Amino acid sequence: MYAGYLVQYTELSPNYAGVLIGLGNSIGTLTGIIAPYVVGVLTSGEGGQSVENWQTVFFIAAGIYACITVIYGLFSSSVRQKWD
């Protein structure tokens, strides 16, 4: 896991890798704040804690993960940036 995303920051900008890691982790932490609220909304409505509601939660999470993986795969680069 670390070989993928932590090395990417260092390759993009060795001088600002710490700042980039901090920004990336801050944005990633937002999902940990938002996800419980979304799960609560989806599982407290009609049907409550039903299998169908939990499947919806899973499919949303899997869809987001798949989309981000494709975007990262298509557009990521490890070329050192000019602003470094």
PDB file of N, CA and C in Angstrom:
ATOM      1  N   MET A   1       0.816  -1.181   0.000  1.00  0.00           N
ATOM      2  CA  MET A   1       0.000   0.000   0.000  1.00  0.00           C
ATOM      3  C   MET A   1       0.867   1.255   0.000  1.00  0.00           C
ATOM      4  N   TYR A   2       1.862   1.305   0.861  1.00  0.00           N
ATOM      5  CA  TYR A   2       2.675   2.508   0.944  1.00  0.00           C
ATOM      6  C   TYR A   2       3.507   2.723  -0.306  1.00  0.00           C
ATOM      7  N   ALA A   3       3.851   1.665  -0.984  1.00  0.00           N
ATOM      8  CA  ALA A   3       4.663   1.810  -2.189  1.00  0.00           C
ATOM      9  C   ALA A   3       3.936   2.604  -3.254  1.00  0.00           C
ATOM     10  N   GLY A   4       2.624   2.633  -3.224  1.00  0.00           N
ATOM     11  CA  GLY A   4       1.859   3.360  -4.221  1.00  0.00           C
ATOM     12  C   GLY A   4       1.741   4.833  -3.937  1.00  0.00           C
ATOM     13  N   TYR A   5       1.086   5.171  -2.834  1.00  0.00           N
ATOM     14  CA  TYR A   5       0.755   6.582  -2.681  1.00  0.00           C
ATOM     15  C   TYR A   5       1.791   7.403  -1.924  1.00  0.00           C
ATOM     16  N   LEU A   6       2.534   6.840  -1.010  1.00  0.00           N
ATOM     17  CA  LEU A   6       3.526   7.644  -0.293  1.00  0.00           C
ATOM     18  C   LEU A   6       4.732   7.973  -1.165  1.00  0.00           C
ATOM     19  N   VAL A   7       5.130   7.056  -2.001  1.00  0.00           N
ATOM     20  CA  VAL A   7       6.253   7.316  -2.898  1.00  0.00           C
ATOM     21  C   VAL A   7       5.865   8.368  -3.939  1.00  0.00           C
ATOM     22  N   GLN A   8       4.612   8.379  -4.327  1.00  0.00           N
ATOM     23  CA  GLN A   8       4.130   9.343  -5.323  1.00  0.00           C
ATOM     24  C   GLN A   8       4.399  10.777  -4.886  1.00  0.00           C
ATOM     25  N   TYR A   9       4.182  11.091  -3.630  1.00  0.00           N
ATOM     26  CA  TYR A   9       4.421  12.448  -3.132  1.00  0.00           C
ATOM     27  C   TYR A   9       5.888  12.826  -3.253  1.00  0.00           C
ATOM     28  N   THR A  10       6.755  11.905  -2.903  1.00  0.00           N
ATOM     29  CA  THR A  10       8.188  12.176  -2.950  1.00  0.00           C
ATOM     30  C   THR A  10       8.671  12.342  -4.377  1.00  0.00           C
ATOM     31  N   GLU A  11       8.113  11.590  -5.301  1.00  0.00           N
ATOM     32  CA  GLU A  11       8.510  11.719  -6.701  1.00  0.00           C
ATOM     33  C   GLU A  11       7.995  13.017  -7.313  1.00  0.00           C
ATOM     34  N   LEU A  12       6.813  13.450  -6.907  1.00  0.00           N
ATOM     35  CA  LEU A  12       6.269  14.695  -7.442  1.00  0.00           C
ATOM     36  C   LEU A  12       7.063  15.906  -6.980  1.00  0.00           C
ATOM     37  N   SER A  13       7.400  15.922  -5.698  1.00  0.00           N
ATOM     38  CA  SER A  13       8.072  17.083  -5.134  1.00  0.00           C
ATOM     39  C   SER A  13       8.823  16.687  -3.871  1.00  0.00           C
ATOM     40  N   PRO A  14      10.088  16.344  -4.003  1.00  0.00           N
ATOM     41  CA  PRO A  14      10.856  15.965  -2.808  1.00  0.00           C
ATOM     42  C   PRO A  14      10.921  17.070  -1.757  1.00  0.00           C
ATOM     43  N   ASN A  15      10.944  18.319  -2.185  1.00  0.00           N
ATOM     44  CA  ASN A  15      11.047  19.437  -1.238  1.00  0.00           C
ATOM     45  C   ASN A  15       9.756  19.691  -0.469  1.00  0.00           C
ATOM     46  N   TYR A  16       8.622  19.378  -1.061  1.00  0.00           N
ATOM     47  CA  TYR A  16       7.333  19.659  -0.436  1.00  0.00           C
ATOM     48  C   TYR A  16       6.519  18.386  -0.185  1.00  0.00           C
ATOM     49  N   ALA A  17       7.185  17.249  -0.122  1.00  0.00           N
ATOM     50  CA  ALA A  17       6.479  15.978   0.066  1.00  0.00           C
ATOM     51  C   ALA A  17       5.685  15.959   1.368  1.00  0.00           C
ATOM     52  N   GLY A  18       6.227  16.512   2.434  1.00  0.00           N
ATOM     53  CA  GLY A  18       5.526  16.540   3.718  1.00  0.00           C
ATOM     54  C   GLY A  18       4.236  17.347   3.657  1.00  0.00           C
ATOM     55  N   VAL A  19       4.292  18.486   2.973  1.00  0.00           N
ATOM     56  CA  VAL A  19       3.099  19.322   2.826  1.00  0.00           C
ATOM     57  C   VAL A  19       2.056  18.588   1.981  1.00  0.00           C
ATOM     58  N   LEU A  20       2.511  17.961   0.903  1.00  0.00           N
ATOM     59  CA  LEU A  20       1.588  17.218   0.037  1.00  0.00           C
ATOM     60  C   LEU A  20       0.942  16.048   0.773  1.00  0.00           C
ATOM     61  N   ILE A  21       1.711  15.333   1.572  1.00  0.00           N
ATOM     62  CA  ILE A  21       1.154  14.224   2.346  1.00  0.00           C
ATOM     63  C   ILE A  21       0.116  14.748   3.332  1.00  0.00           C
ATOM     64  N   GLY A  22       0.408  15.862   3.977  1.00  0.00           N
ATOM     65  CA  GLY A  22      -0.550  16.457   4.912  1.00  0.00           C
ATOM     66  C   GLY A  22      -1.844  16.862   4.233  1.00  0.00           C
ATOM     67  N   LEU A  23      -1.758  17.482   3.062  1.00  0.00           N
ATOM     68  CA  LEU A  23      -2.958  17.869   2.320  1.00  0.00           C
ATOM     69  C   LEU A  23      -3.742  16.643   1.867  1.00  0.00           C
ATOM     70  N   GLY A  24      -3.019  15.648   1.335  1.00  0.00           N
ATOM     71  CA  GLY A  24      -3.688  14.431   0.870  1.00  0.00           C
ATOM     72  C   GLY A  24      -4.376  13.681   1.993  1.00  0.00           C
ATOM     73  N   ASN A  25      -3.717  13.576   3.131  1.00  0.00           N
ATOM     74  CA  ASN A  25      -4.333  12.881   4.266  1.00  0.00           C
ATOM     75  C   ASN A  25      -5.513  13.662   4.835  1.00  0.00           C
ATOM     76  N   SER A  26      -5.427  14.990   4.810  1.00  0.00           N
ATOM     77  CA  SER A  26      -6.555  15.795   5.294  1.00  0.00           C
ATOM     78  C   SER A  26      -7.788  15.579   4.428  1.00  0.00           C
ATOM     79  N   ILE A  27      -7.601  15.580   3.128  1.00  0.00           N
ATOM     80  CA  ILE A  27      -8.722  15.344   2.214  1.00  0.00           C
ATOM     81  C   ILE A  27      -9.252  13.927   2.392  1.00  0.00           C
ATOM     82  N   GLY A  28      -8.354  12.961   2.546  1.00  0.00           N
ATOM     83  CA  GLY A  28      -8.778  11.580   2.754  1.00  0.00           C
ATOM     84  C   GLY A  28      -9.525  11.366   4.055  1.00  0.00           C
ATOM     85  N   THR A  29      -9.200  12.156   5.068  1.00  0.00           N
ATOM     86  CA  THR A  29      -9.869  12.042   6.363  1.00  0.00           C
ATOM     87  C   THR A  29     -11.316  12.522   6.297  1.00  0.00           C
ATOM     88  N   LEU A  30     -11.609  13.393   5.366  1.00  0.00           N
ATOM     89  CA  LEU A  30     -12.987  13.880   5.230  1.00  0.00           C
ATOM     90  C   LEU A  30     -13.966  12.735   4.975  1.00  0.00           C
ATOM     91  N   THR A  31     -13.517  11.696   4.286  1.00  0.00           N
ATOM     92  CA  THR A  31     -14.410  10.551   4.051  1.00  0.00           C
ATOM     93  C   THR A  31     -14.776   9.866   5.361  1.00  0.00           C
ATOM     94  N   GLY A  32     -13.858   9.853   6.307  1.00  0.00           N
ATOM     95  CA  GLY A  32     -14.147   9.272   7.609  1.00  0.00           C
ATOM     96  C   GLY A  32     -15.138  10.093   8.419  1.00  0.00           C
ATOM     97  N   ILE A  33     -15.274  11.350   8.077  1.00  0.00           N
ATOM     98  CA  ILE A  33     -16.248  12.219   8.737  1.00  0.00           C
ATOM     99  C   ILE A  33     -17.601  12.123   8.047  1.00  0.00           C
ATOM    100  N   ILE A  34     -17.582  12.077   6.726  1.00  0.00           N
ATOM    101  CA  ILE A  34     -18.819  12.080   5.940  1.00  0.00           C
ATOM    102  C   ILE A  34     -19.480  10.711   5.894  1.00  0.00           C
ATOM    103  N   ALA A  35     -18.702   9.647   5.811  1.00  0.00           N
ATOM    104  CA  ALA A  35     -19.252   8.296   5.629  1.00  0.00           C
ATOM    105  C   ALA A  35     -20.228   7.870   6.727  1.00  0.00           C
ATOM    106  N   PRO A  36     -19.937   8.076   8.012  1.00  0.00           N
ATOM    107  CA  PRO A  36     -20.911   7.659   9.029  1.00  0.00           C
ATOM    108  C   PRO A  36     -22.255   8.367   8.898  1.00  0.00           C
ATOM    109  N   TYR A  37     -22.229   9.631   8.512  1.00  0.00           N
ATOM    110  CA  TYR A  37     -23.485  10.363   8.321  1.00  0.00           C
ATOM    111  C   TYR A  37     -24.284   9.756   7.163  1.00  0.00           C
ATOM    112  N   VAL A  38     -23.609   9.496   6.045  1.00  0.00           N
ATOM    113  CA  VAL A  38     -24.283   8.917   4.876  1.00  0.00           C
ATOM    114  C   VAL A  38     -24.841   7.540   5.208  1.00  0.00           C
ATOM    115  N   VAL A  39     -24.066   6.718   5.896  1.00  0.00           N
ATOM    116  CA  VAL A  39     -24.544   5.391   6.294  1.00  0.00           C
ATOM    117  C   VAL A  39     -25.755   5.516   7.214  1.00  0.00           C
ATOM    118  N   GLY A  40     -25.710   6.463   8.137  1.00  0.00           N
ATOM    119  CA  GLY A  40     -26.843   6.670   9.031  1.00  0.00           C
ATOM    120  C   GLY A  40     -28.102   7.065   8.288  1.00  0.00           C
ATOM    121  N   VAL A  41     -27.954   7.940   7.315  1.00  0.00           N
ATOM    122  CA  VAL A  41     -29.113   8.367   6.521  1.00  0.00           C
ATOM    123  C   VAL A  41     -29.671   7.199   5.713  1.00  0.00           C
ATOM    124  N   LEU A  42     -28.784   6.420   5.099  1.00  0.00           N
ATOM    125  CA  LEU A  42     -29.233   5.316   4.243  1.00  0.00           C
ATOM    126  C   LEU A  42     -29.835   4.154   5.027  1.00  0.00           C
ATOM    127  N   THR A  43     -29.378   3.928   6.246  1.00  0.00           N
ATOM    128  CA  THR A  43     -29.867   2.773   7.009  1.00  0.00           C
ATOM    129  C   THR A  43     -30.917   3.135   8.055  1.00  0.00           C
ATOM    130  N   SER A  44     -31.280   4.394   8.160  1.00  0.00           N
ATOM    131  CA  SER A  44     -32.312   4.744   9.145  1.00  0.00           C
ATOM    132  C   SER A  44     -33.649   5.059   8.496  1.00  0.00           C
ATOM    133  N   GLY A  45     -33.689   5.079   7.188  1.00  0.00           N
ATOM    134  CA  GLY A  45     -34.932   5.369   6.483  1.00  0.00           C
ATOM    135  C   GLY A  45     -35.818   4.149   6.396  1.00  0.00           C
ATOM    136  N   GLU A  46     -36.534   4.081   5.307  1.00  0.00           N
ATOM    137  CA  GLU A  46     -37.447   2.960   5.082  1.00  0.00           C
ATOM    138  C   GLU A  46     -36.656   1.653   5.009  1.00  0.00           C
ATOM    139  N   GLY A  47     -37.054   0.685   5.781  1.00  0.00           N
ATOM    140  CA  GLY A  47     -36.371  -0.609   5.795  1.00  0.00           C
ATOM    141  C   GLY A  47     -35.311  -0.717   6.870  1.00  0.00           C
ATOM    142  N   GLY A  48     -34.869   0.399   7.412  1.00  0.00           N
ATOM    143  CA  GLY A  48     -33.888   0.382   8.501  1.00  0.00           C
ATOM    144  C   GLY A  48     -32.610  -0.351   8.142  1.00  0.00           C
ATOM    145  N   GLN A  49     -32.205  -1.238   9.022  1.00  0.00           N
ATOM    146  CA  GLN A  49     -30.953  -1.975   8.868  1.00  0.00           C
ATOM    147  C   GLN A  49     -31.128  -3.210   7.979  1.00  0.00           C
ATOM    148  N   SER A  50     -31.765  -3.060   6.857  1.00  0.00           N
ATOM    149  CA  SER A  50     -32.025  -4.200   5.980  1.00  0.00           C
ATOM    150  C   SER A  50     -30.810  -4.500   5.105  1.00  0.00           C
ATOM    151  N   VAL A  51     -30.812  -5.675   4.552  1.00  0.00           N
ATOM    152  CA  VAL A  51     -29.734  -6.087   3.650  1.00  0.00           C
ATOM    153  C   VAL A  51     -29.690  -5.166   2.429  1.00  0.00           C
ATOM    154  N   GLU A  52     -30.842  -4.786   1.926  1.00  0.00           N
ATOM    155  CA  GLU A  52     -30.896  -3.919   0.749  1.00  0.00           C
ATOM    156  C   GLU A  52     -30.260  -2.560   1.020  1.00  0.00           C
ATOM    157  N   ASN A  53     -30.529  -1.996   2.192  1.00  0.00           N
ATOM    158  CA  ASN A  53     -29.927  -0.702   2.531  1.00  0.00           C
ATOM    159  C   ASN A  53     -28.414  -0.818   2.679  1.00  0.00           C
ATOM    160  N   TRP A  54     -27.952  -1.909   3.285  1.00  0.00           N
ATOM    161  CA  TRP A  54     -26.511  -2.099   3.420  1.00  0.00           C
ATOM    162  C   TRP A  54     -25.859  -2.411   2.074  1.00  0.00           C
ATOM    163  N   GLN A  55     -26.581  -3.035   1.165  1.00  0.00           N
ATOM    164  CA  GLN A  55     -26.049  -3.232  -0.187  1.00  0.00           C
ATOM    165  C   GLN A  55     -25.876  -1.886  -0.878  1.00  0.00           C
ATOM    166  N   THR A  56     -26.809  -0.985  -0.663  1.00  0.00           N
ATOM    167  CA  THR A  56     -26.689   0.357  -1.243  1.00  0.00           C
ATOM    168  C   THR A  56     -25.438   1.050  -0.719  1.00  0.00           C
ATOM    169  N   VAL A  57     -25.208   0.954   0.579  1.00  0.00           N
ATOM    170  CA  VAL A  57     -24.007   1.540   1.175  1.00  0.00           C
ATOM    171  C   VAL A  57     -22.755   0.938   0.535  1.00  0.00           C
ATOM    172  N   PHE A  58     -22.733  -0.383   0.408  1.00  0.00           N
ATOM    173  CA  PHE A  58     -21.576  -1.051  -0.180  1.00  0.00           C
ATOM    174  C   PHE A  58     -21.380  -0.636  -1.630  1.00  0.00           C
ATOM    175  N   PHE A  59     -22.430  -0.586  -2.412  1.00  0.00           N
ATOM    176  CA  PHE A  59     -22.306  -0.242  -3.829  1.00  0.00           C
ATOM    177  C   PHE A  59     -21.850   1.205  -4.020  1.00  0.00           C
ATOM    178  N   ILE A  60     -22.297   2.099  -3.173  1.00  0.00           N
ATOM    179  CA  ILE A  60     -21.826   3.484  -3.248  1.00  0.00           C
ATOM    180  C   ILE A  60     -20.326   3.532  -2.958  1.00  0.00           C
ATOM    181  N   ALA A  61     -19.901   2.853  -1.896  1.00  0.00           N
ATOM    182  CA  ALA A  61     -18.476   2.839  -1.542  1.00  0.00           C
ATOM    183  C   ALA A  61     -17.639   2.189  -2.643  1.00  0.00           C
ATOM    184  N   ALA A  62     -18.102   1.072  -3.175  1.00  0.00           N
ATOM    185  CA  ALA A  62     -17.364   0.383  -4.236  1.00  0.00           C
ATOM    186  C   ALA A  62     -17.309   1.223  -5.500  1.00  0.00           C
ATOM    187  N   GLY A  63     -18.396   1.919  -5.818  1.00  0.00           N
ATOM    188  CA  GLY A  63     -18.418   2.775  -6.999  1.00  0.00           C
ATOM    189  C   GLY A  63     -17.453   3.940  -6.891  1.00  0.00           C
ATOM    190  N   ILE A  64     -17.438   4.579  -5.730  1.00  0.00           N
ATOM    191  CA  ILE A  64     -16.506   5.685  -5.515  1.00  0.00           C
ATOM    192  C   ILE A  64     -15.071   5.183  -5.608  1.00  0.00           C
ATOM    193  N   TYR A  65     -14.786   4.068  -4.968  1.00  0.00           N
ATOM    194  CA  TYR A  65     -13.439   3.501  -4.995  1.00  0.00           C
ATOM    195  C   TYR A  65     -13.014   3.164  -6.416  1.00  0.00           C
ATOM    196  N   ALA A  66     -13.904   2.552  -7.190  1.00  0.00           N
ATOM    197  CA  ALA A  66     -13.581   2.173  -8.568  1.00  0.00           C
ATOM    198  C   ALA A  66     -13.335   3.408  -9.432  1.00  0.00           C
ATOM    199  N   CYS A  67     -14.161   4.422  -9.292  1.00  0.00           N
ATOM    200  CA  CYS A  67     -13.992   5.651 -10.083  1.00  0.00           C
ATOM    201  C   CYS A  67     -12.674   6.344  -9.758  1.00  0.00           C
ATOM    202  N   ILE A  68     -12.365   6.459  -8.489  1.00  0.00           N
ATOM    203  CA  ILE A  68     -11.112   7.116  -8.093  1.00  0.00           C
ATOM    204  C   ILE A  68      -9.906   6.313  -8.568  1.00  0.00           C
ATOM    205  N   THR A  69     -10.000   4.994  -8.529  1.00  0.00           N
ATOM    206  CA  THR A  69      -8.901   4.150  -9.009  1.00  0.00           C
ATOM    207  C   THR A  69      -8.664   4.358 -10.494  1.00  0.00           C
ATOM    208  N   VAL A  70      -9.727   4.426 -11.266  1.00  0.00           N
ATOM    209  CA  VAL A  70      -9.595   4.651 -12.707  1.00  0.00           C
ATOM    210  C   VAL A  70      -9.009   6.037 -12.980  1.00  0.00           C
ATOM    211  N   ILE A  71      -9.493   7.045 -12.288  1.00  0.00           N
ATOM    212  CA  ILE A  71      -8.972   8.404 -12.472  1.00  0.00           C
ATOM    213  C   ILE A  71      -7.485   8.459 -12.122  1.00  0.00           C
ATOM    214  N   TYR A  72      -7.119   7.839 -11.005  1.00  0.00           N
ATOM    215  CA  TYR A  72      -5.714   7.817 -10.601  1.00  0.00           C
ATOM    216  C   TYR A  72      -4.869   7.089 -11.634  1.00  0.00           C
ATOM    217  N   GLY A  73      -5.352   5.963 -12.119  1.00  0.00           N
ATOM    218  CA  GLY A  73      -4.614   5.193 -13.112  1.00  0.00           C
ATOM    219  C   GLY A  73      -4.428   5.932 -14.425  1.00  0.00           C
ATOM    220  N   LEU A  74      -5.427   6.698 -14.824  1.00  0.00           N
ATOM    221  CA  LEU A  74      -5.348   7.418 -16.093  1.00  0.00           C
ATOM    222  C   LEU A  74      -4.519   8.694 -16.016  1.00  0.00           C
ATOM    223  N   PHE A  75      -4.610   9.409 -14.921  1.00  0.00           N
ATOM    224  CA  PHE A  75      -4.024  10.741 -14.867  1.00  0.00           C
ATOM    225  C   PHE A  75      -2.829  10.893 -13.932  1.00  0.00           C
ATOM    226  N   SER A  76      -2.454   9.870 -13.191  1.00  0.00           N
ATOM    227  CA  SER A  76      -1.333  10.037 -12.264  1.00  0.00           C
ATOM    228  C   SER A  76      -0.015  10.054 -13.031  1.00  0.00           C
ATOM    229  N   SER A  77       0.923  10.747 -12.459  1.00  0.00           N
ATOM    230  CA  SER A  77       2.238  10.856 -13.062  1.00  0.00           C
ATOM    231  C   SER A  77       3.252  11.022 -11.941  1.00  0.00           C
ATOM    232  N   SER A  78       4.445  10.533 -12.157  1.00  0.00           N
ATOM    233  CA  SER A  78       5.479  10.712 -11.147  1.00  0.00           C
ATOM    234  C   SER A  78       6.575  11.646 -11.648  1.00  0.00           C
ATOM    235  N   VAL A  79       6.221  12.513 -12.577  1.00  0.00           N
ATOM    236  CA  VAL A  79       7.163  13.489 -13.096  1.00  0.00           C
ATOM    237  C   VAL A  79       7.350  14.608 -12.070  1.00  0.00           C
ATOM    238  N   ARG A  80       8.585  14.939 -11.806  1.00  0.00           N
ATOM    239  CA  ARG A  80       8.878  16.004 -10.835  1.00  0.00           C
ATOM    240  C   ARG A  80       8.287  17.322 -11.338  1.00  0.00           C
ATOM    241  N   GLN A  81       7.625  18.036 -10.449  1.00  0.00           N
ATOM    242  CA  GLN A  81       6.907  19.242 -10.822  1.00  0.00           C
ATOM    243  C   GLN A  81       7.835  20.447 -10.908  1.00  0.00           C
ATOM    244  N   LYS A  82       7.471  21.408 -11.757  1.00  0.00           N
ATOM    245  CA  LYS A  82       8.285  22.627 -11.958  1.00  0.00           C
ATOM    246  C   LYS A  82       8.385  23.464 -10.690  1.00  0.00           C
ATOM    247  N   TRP A  83       7.332  23.466  -9.861  1.00  0.00           N
ATOM    248  CA  TRP A  83       7.299  24.327  -8.690  1.00  0.00           C
ATOM    249  C   TRP A  83       8.084  23.768  -7.507  1.00  0.00           C
ATOM    250  N   ASP A  84       8.694  22.596  -7.679  1.00  0.00           N
ATOM    251  CA  ASP A  84       9.450  21.985  -6.579  1.00  0.00           C
ATOM    252  C   ASP A  84      10.730  22.753  -6.337  1.00  0.00           C
TER     253      ASP A  84
END
